[in-house]
Amino acid sequence: MNERRYVGIDQDDFGGMSEIGRIIRDAWVFGIIPETEKCSGWSEGQLQNLYNQVFEAWQPFGHLASQLPAELRVQHSRIYEAAIESARQKGWSGEHLVDDESP
């Protein structure tokens, strides 16, 4: 049986604006993996391990970017701003993230 493999953040839909893409970008922020690592070909187990490391790295900051120390906050902004700009150029709008139901 063939195990599914991740295509890589650079090949993911809309420039990696997915849950896996977020995990990879957060791993870059925390230095868990280098920014050159796109995780292409990674197994579900490898991605789960990366998620666990990222989750643990976020814990001291309450999983909030606003609680990161200045150096990490700058790193986070740089990485995410570049990702959003790239995704927008590929047609991503983020509209699916907005709950359009009225109260």
Protein backbone atom coordinates (compact mmCIF):
# COMPACT_ATOMS: atom_id res chain seq x y z
CA MET A 1 0.00 0.00 0.00
CA ASN A 2 1.38 3.40 -0.94
CA GLU A 3 1.47 5.98 1.80
CA ARG A 4 0.31 9.45 0.79
CA ARG A 5 3.08 12.01 0.65
CA TYR A 6 2.84 15.77 0.93
CA VAL A 7 3.54 17.67 -2.30
CA GLY A 8 5.51 20.43 -0.55
CA ILE A 9 4.54 23.89 0.58
CA ASP A 10 5.68 25.37 -2.73
CA GLN A 11 3.39 22.98 -4.65
CA ASP A 12 0.44 23.10 -2.25
CA ASP A 13 -2.76 24.89 -3.31
CA PHE A 14 -2.42 28.66 -3.38
CA GLY A 15 1.12 28.72 -2.13
CA GLY A 16 0.60 26.59 0.93
CA MET A 17 -2.32 28.44 2.49
CA SER A 18 -3.43 25.24 4.19
CA GLU A 19 -3.17 23.78 7.66
CA ILE A 20 -0.03 21.90 6.66
CA GLY A 21 1.38 25.10 5.16
CA ARG A 22 0.75 26.92 8.43
CA ILE A 23 2.55 24.21 10.37
CA ILE A 24 5.54 24.43 8.04
CA ARG A 25 5.68 28.25 8.24
CA ASP A 26 5.45 28.08 12.03
CA ALA A 27 8.27 25.53 12.05
CA TRP A 28 10.33 28.04 10.06
CA VAL A 29 9.50 30.78 12.56
CA PHE A 30 10.69 28.68 15.48
CA GLY A 31 13.75 27.33 13.65
CA ILE A 32 12.53 23.74 13.86
CA ILE A 33 13.28 23.33 10.16
CA PRO A 34 15.14 25.71 7.84
CA GLU A 35 13.13 27.96 5.52
CA THR A 36 14.61 26.06 2.61
CA GLU A 37 12.76 22.90 3.75
CA LYS A 38 9.51 22.63 1.77
CA CYS A 39 8.60 19.19 3.20
CA SER A 40 7.92 17.71 -0.23
CA GLY A 41 7.64 13.96 -0.07
CA TRP A 42 7.05 13.95 3.69
CA SER A 43 4.81 11.23 5.11
CA GLU A 44 1.81 11.84 7.32
CA GLY A 45 3.89 10.61 10.27
CA GLN A 46 6.65 13.13 9.57
CA LEU A 47 4.11 15.94 9.29
CA GLN A 48 2.44 14.84 12.54
CA ASN A 49 5.83 14.90 14.27
CA LEU A 50 6.43 18.41 12.91
CA TYR A 51 2.98 19.48 14.14
CA ASN A 52 3.79 18.17 17.62
CA GLN A 53 7.06 20.14 17.70
CA VAL A 54 5.35 23.31 16.49
CA PHE A 55 2.53 22.91 19.03
CA GLU A 56 5.08 22.56 21.81
CA ALA A 57 7.03 25.61 20.58
CA TRP A 58 3.86 27.75 20.65
CA GLN A 59 2.83 26.73 24.19
CA PRO A 60 4.91 29.32 26.10
CA PHE A 61 3.27 32.05 24.00
CA GLY A 62 -0.32 30.90 24.33
CA HIS A 63 -0.38 30.08 20.61
CA LEU A 64 -0.66 33.83 19.89
CA ALA A 65 1.68 35.69 17.56
CA SER A 66 1.13 38.82 19.64
CA GLN A 67 2.77 37.06 22.59
CA LEU A 68 5.96 36.15 20.73
CA PRO A 69 9.19 37.89 21.73
CA ALA A 70 10.14 40.71 19.36
CA GLU A 71 12.63 38.68 17.31
CA LEU A 72 10.16 35.86 16.68
CA ARG A 73 7.32 38.32 16.04
CA VAL A 74 9.39 39.99 13.30
CA GLN A 75 10.25 36.58 11.85
CA HIS A 76 6.57 35.54 11.95
CA SER A 77 5.43 38.73 10.22
CA ARG A 78 8.07 38.42 7.51
CA ILE A 79 7.24 34.80 6.74
CA TYR A 80 3.46 35.21 6.82
CA GLU A 81 3.37 38.49 4.90
CA ALA A 82 5.44 36.92 2.11
CA ALA A 83 3.19 33.83 2.08
CA ILE A 84 0.01 35.91 1.90
CA GLU A 85 1.38 38.07 -0.91
CA SER A 86 2.48 35.02 -2.89
CA ALA A 87 -0.86 33.28 -2.34
CA ARG A 88 -2.80 36.34 -3.46
CA GLN A 89 -0.76 36.42 -6.67
CA LYS A 90 -1.87 32.81 -7.23
CA GLY A 91 -5.56 33.68 -6.75
CA TRP A 92 -6.03 33.03 -3.04
CA SER A 93 -8.31 35.50 -1.30
CA GLY A 94 -8.85 33.96 2.10
CA GLU A 95 -12.62 34.34 1.75
CA HIS A 96 -13.17 30.73 2.75
CA LEU A 97 -11.75 31.64 6.18
CA VAL A 98 -14.48 34.20 6.85
CA ASP A 99 -17.74 33.06 8.36
CA ASP A 100 -20.32 34.90 6.28
CA GLU A 101 -23.30 33.83 8.35
CA SER A 102 -25.06 36.71 10.05
CA PRO A 103 -25.95 36.38 13.73
